[in-house]
Protein backbone atom coordinates (compact mmCIF):
# COMPACT_ATOMS: atom_id res chain seq x y z
CA UNK A 1 -0.51 -0.01 -0.11
CA UNK A 2 1.22 3.72 -0.80
CA UNK A 3 0.96 6.70 1.30
CA UNK A 4 -1.38 8.62 -0.08
CA UNK A 5 -0.96 12.95 -0.08
CA UNK A 6 -3.63 13.34 2.22
CA UNK A 7 -1.45 11.28 5.45
CA UNK A 8 1.58 13.24 4.49
CA UNK A 9 0.23 16.59 4.91
CA UNK A 10 -1.15 15.51 8.36
CA UNK A 11 -0.05 18.58 10.20
CA UNK A 12 -1.95 20.86 7.83
CA UNK A 13 -5.22 18.71 8.74
CA UNK A 14 -5.04 19.51 12.24
CA UNK A 15 -8.37 20.99 13.71
CA UNK A 16 -7.54 24.80 14.90
CA UNK A 17 -8.31 25.94 18.82
CA UNK A 18 -11.03 28.22 18.58
CA UNK A 19 -11.59 30.94 20.86
CA UNK A 20 -15.37 30.24 21.69
CA UNK A 21 -14.37 27.11 23.01
CA UNK A 22 -11.30 28.43 25.25
CA UNK A 23 -13.74 30.46 26.84
CA UNK A 24 -16.47 28.20 27.70
CA UNK A 25 -13.73 25.83 29.13
CA UNK A 26 -12.27 28.56 31.20
CA UNK A 27 -15.72 29.73 32.17
CA UNK A 28 -16.52 26.10 33.37
CA UNK A 29 -12.66 26.07 35.33
CA UNK A 30 -14.11 29.03 37.07
CA UNK A 31 -17.21 27.77 38.25
CA UNK A 32 -15.10 24.19 39.65
CA UNK A 33 -13.32 26.71 41.54
CA UNK A 34 -16.38 28.65 43.28
CA UNK A 35 -17.55 25.67 43.83
CA UNK A 36 -14.55 24.51 45.77
CA UNK A 37 -14.52 27.32 47.80
CA UNK A 38 -12.44 30.33 45.78
CA UNK A 39 -13.81 33.60 46.61
CA UNK A 40 -15.16 35.24 42.91
CA UNK A 41 -13.45 38.58 44.26
CA UNK A 42 -9.88 36.81 44.15
CA UNK A 43 -11.27 35.03 40.47
CA UNK A 44 -11.45 38.20 39.29
CA UNK A 45 -7.96 39.10 39.73
CA UNK A 46 -6.26 35.28 38.62
CA UNK A 47 -4.90 34.96 35.20
CA UNK A 48 -5.59 31.61 33.37
CA UNK A 49 -2.27 29.87 34.44
CA UNK A 50 -3.51 30.77 38.05
CA UNK A 51 -6.78 29.36 37.33
CA UNK A 52 -5.60 26.04 35.95
CA UNK A 53 -2.96 25.91 38.86
CA UNK A 54 -5.64 26.27 41.27
CA UNK A 55 -7.58 23.52 39.90
CA UNK A 56 -4.88 21.36 40.07
CA UNK A 57 -4.50 21.88 43.38
CA UNK A 58 -8.17 21.63 44.68
CA UNK A 59 -8.65 18.13 42.70
CA UNK A 60 -5.81 16.60 45.12
């Protein structure tokens, strides 16, 4: 069997990350942190890396 052209161009066929899905993920993570006991005032001042780190800490 031969390797077709479509398979050689694999990186070009990858799906592109969409901003709407990123916003949805961040909203879900914020809701999880609020449910875990993080205050909304503190959550407003957190950036995305801090939010992800806080979720990892709360999961453990």
